[in-house]
Amino acid sequence: MMNAMTQKTSLQIDDYLDLLNLAVHVGDHKWQKEIIRKLEYLKKCSIPSRSR
C-alpha cells in the first residue's frame, strides 16, 4: 500500500503528464518544456538519497 506522500507524488506526476499531453496537443512548446522540467524535478526529489 502506498503511503500518503507517495500517493500525492503519483497524483502530481499523473496530473503533469495530463498537462503535458494537452501542451503537445495544442502545440505549445514553451509549456511542454516547463512541464518536462517540473517532471524532472519531481523525479529527482522522489529518488531517495544514499548516504555512505
N, C-alpha and C. Protein backbone atom coordinates (compact mmCIF):
# COMPACT_ATOMS: atom_id res chain seq x y z
N MET A 1 0.84 -1.18 0.00
CA MET A 1 0.00 0.00 0.00
C MET A 1 0.89 1.25 0.00
N MET A 2 0.52 2.23 -0.79
CA MET A 2 1.31 3.45 -0.87
C MET A 2 1.03 4.33 0.34
N ASN A 3 2.10 4.99 0.81
CA ASN A 3 1.86 5.94 1.88
C ASN A 3 1.33 7.24 1.28
N ALA A 4 0.92 8.16 2.11
CA ALA A 4 0.26 9.38 1.64
C ALA A 4 1.18 10.22 0.75
N MET A 5 2.46 10.32 1.09
CA MET A 5 3.38 11.14 0.30
C MET A 5 3.60 10.54 -1.08
N THR A 6 3.79 9.23 -1.15
CA THR A 6 3.98 8.56 -2.44
C THR A 6 2.72 8.71 -3.29
N GLN A 7 1.57 8.58 -2.67
CA GLN A 7 0.31 8.72 -3.39
C GLN A 7 0.16 10.14 -3.92
N LYS A 8 0.50 11.15 -3.12
CA LYS A 8 0.40 12.54 -3.55
C LYS A 8 1.35 12.80 -4.72
N THR A 9 2.58 12.28 -4.64
CA THR A 9 3.55 12.46 -5.72
C THR A 9 3.05 11.79 -7.00
N SER A 10 2.47 10.61 -6.87
CA SER A 10 1.94 9.91 -8.04
C SER A 10 0.83 10.71 -8.69
N LEU A 11 -0.03 11.30 -7.88
CA LEU A 11 -1.11 12.12 -8.43
C LEU A 11 -0.53 13.34 -9.13
N GLN A 12 0.48 13.95 -8.55
CA GLN A 12 1.09 15.11 -9.18
C GLN A 12 1.69 14.73 -10.53
N ILE A 13 2.38 13.60 -10.56
CA ILE A 13 3.00 13.17 -11.82
C ILE A 13 1.94 12.89 -12.86
N ASP A 14 0.88 12.20 -12.48
CA ASP A 14 -0.22 11.94 -13.41
C ASP A 14 -0.83 13.24 -13.92
N ASP A 15 -0.99 14.20 -13.02
CA ASP A 15 -1.55 15.50 -13.42
C ASP A 15 -0.63 16.21 -14.41
N TYR A 16 0.67 16.19 -14.13
CA TYR A 16 1.60 16.84 -15.03
C TYR A 16 1.68 16.13 -16.38
N LEU A 17 1.55 14.81 -16.38
CA LEU A 17 1.54 14.08 -17.65
C LEU A 17 0.31 14.44 -18.47
N ASP A 18 -0.83 14.61 -17.80
CA ASP A 18 -2.04 15.06 -18.49
C ASP A 18 -1.83 16.45 -19.09
N LEU A 19 -1.21 17.33 -18.31
CA LEU A 19 -0.94 18.68 -18.83
C LEU A 19 0.04 18.63 -19.99
N LEU A 20 1.03 17.76 -19.90
CA LEU A 20 1.99 17.63 -20.99
C LEU A 20 1.30 17.16 -22.27
N ASN A 21 0.40 16.20 -22.14
CA ASN A 21 -0.36 15.75 -23.31
C ASN A 21 -1.17 16.89 -23.91
N LEU A 22 -1.75 17.72 -23.07
CA LEU A 22 -2.51 18.87 -23.56
C LEU A 22 -1.59 19.87 -24.26
N ALA A 23 -0.44 20.13 -23.67
CA ALA A 23 0.52 21.06 -24.27
C ALA A 23 0.98 20.56 -25.64
N VAL A 24 1.21 19.25 -25.76
CA VAL A 24 1.59 18.66 -27.05
C VAL A 24 0.44 18.83 -28.04
N HIS A 25 -0.76 18.57 -27.59
CA HIS A 25 -1.94 18.64 -28.46
C HIS A 25 -2.15 20.05 -29.02
N VAL A 26 -1.94 21.07 -28.18
CA VAL A 26 -2.13 22.45 -28.65
C VAL A 26 -0.86 23.04 -29.28
N GLY A 27 0.25 22.30 -29.22
CA GLY A 27 1.48 22.72 -29.87
C GLY A 27 2.24 23.82 -29.13
N ASP A 28 2.08 23.89 -27.81
CA ASP A 28 2.76 24.92 -27.01
C ASP A 28 4.10 24.36 -26.51
N HIS A 29 5.16 24.65 -27.27
CA HIS A 29 6.49 24.09 -26.96
C HIS A 29 7.08 24.65 -25.67
N LYS A 30 6.83 25.92 -25.40
CA LYS A 30 7.35 26.52 -24.16
C LYS A 30 6.71 25.85 -22.94
N TRP A 31 5.42 25.63 -23.00
CA TRP A 31 4.70 24.98 -21.91
C TRP A 31 5.19 23.54 -21.74
N GLN A 32 5.43 22.85 -22.86
CA GLN A 32 5.94 21.48 -22.80
C GLN A 32 7.27 21.43 -22.05
N LYS A 33 8.18 22.35 -22.38
CA LYS A 33 9.49 22.37 -21.72
C LYS A 33 9.34 22.65 -20.23
N GLU A 34 8.43 23.56 -19.88
CA GLU A 34 8.20 23.88 -18.47
C GLU A 34 7.69 22.66 -17.70
N ILE A 35 6.75 21.94 -18.30
CA ILE A 35 6.18 20.76 -17.65
C ILE A 35 7.24 19.66 -17.53
N ILE A 36 8.05 19.48 -18.56
CA ILE A 36 9.11 18.47 -18.52
C ILE A 36 10.12 18.79 -17.43
N ARG A 37 10.47 20.08 -17.28
CA ARG A 37 11.38 20.47 -16.20
C ARG A 37 10.78 20.15 -14.83
N LYS A 38 9.49 20.39 -14.67
CA LYS A 38 8.83 20.10 -13.40
C LYS A 38 8.83 18.59 -13.14
N LEU A 39 8.57 17.79 -14.16
CA LEU A 39 8.58 16.34 -14.00
C LEU A 39 9.98 15.84 -13.64
N GLU A 40 11.01 16.42 -14.25
CA GLU A 40 12.38 16.04 -13.92
C GLU A 40 12.69 16.38 -12.46
N TYR A 41 12.20 17.54 -12.01
CA TYR A 41 12.40 17.95 -10.62
C TYR A 41 11.69 16.98 -9.68
N LEU A 42 10.46 16.62 -9.99
CA LEU A 42 9.72 15.67 -9.14
C LEU A 42 10.42 14.32 -9.09
N LYS A 43 10.97 13.90 -10.23
CA LYS A 43 11.69 12.62 -10.27
C LYS A 43 12.92 12.70 -9.39
N LYS A 44 13.66 13.81 -9.50
CA LYS A 44 14.87 13.98 -8.71
C LYS A 44 14.55 13.98 -7.21
N CYS A 45 13.45 14.61 -6.84
CA CYS A 45 13.06 14.69 -5.43
C CYS A 45 12.56 13.36 -4.89
N SER A 46 12.04 12.52 -5.77
CA SER A 46 11.45 11.26 -5.29
C SER A 46 12.47 10.15 -5.15
N ILE A 47 13.68 10.34 -5.68
CA ILE A 47 14.73 9.31 -5.57
C ILE A 47 15.40 9.46 -4.21
N PRO A 48 15.32 8.42 -3.39
CA PRO A 48 15.94 8.52 -2.07
C PRO A 48 17.45 8.64 -2.20
N SER A 49 18.03 9.55 -1.42
CA SER A 49 19.47 9.72 -1.47
C SER A 49 20.15 8.65 -0.63
N ARG A 50 21.27 8.19 -1.12
CA ARG A 50 22.05 7.19 -0.38
C ARG A 50 23.18 7.89 0.35
N SER A 51 23.31 7.60 1.60
CA SER A 51 24.41 8.17 2.37
C SER A 51 25.31 7.06 2.85
N ARG A 52 26.57 7.16 2.48
CA ARG A 52 27.56 6.16 2.90
C ARG A 52 28.79 6.87 3.37
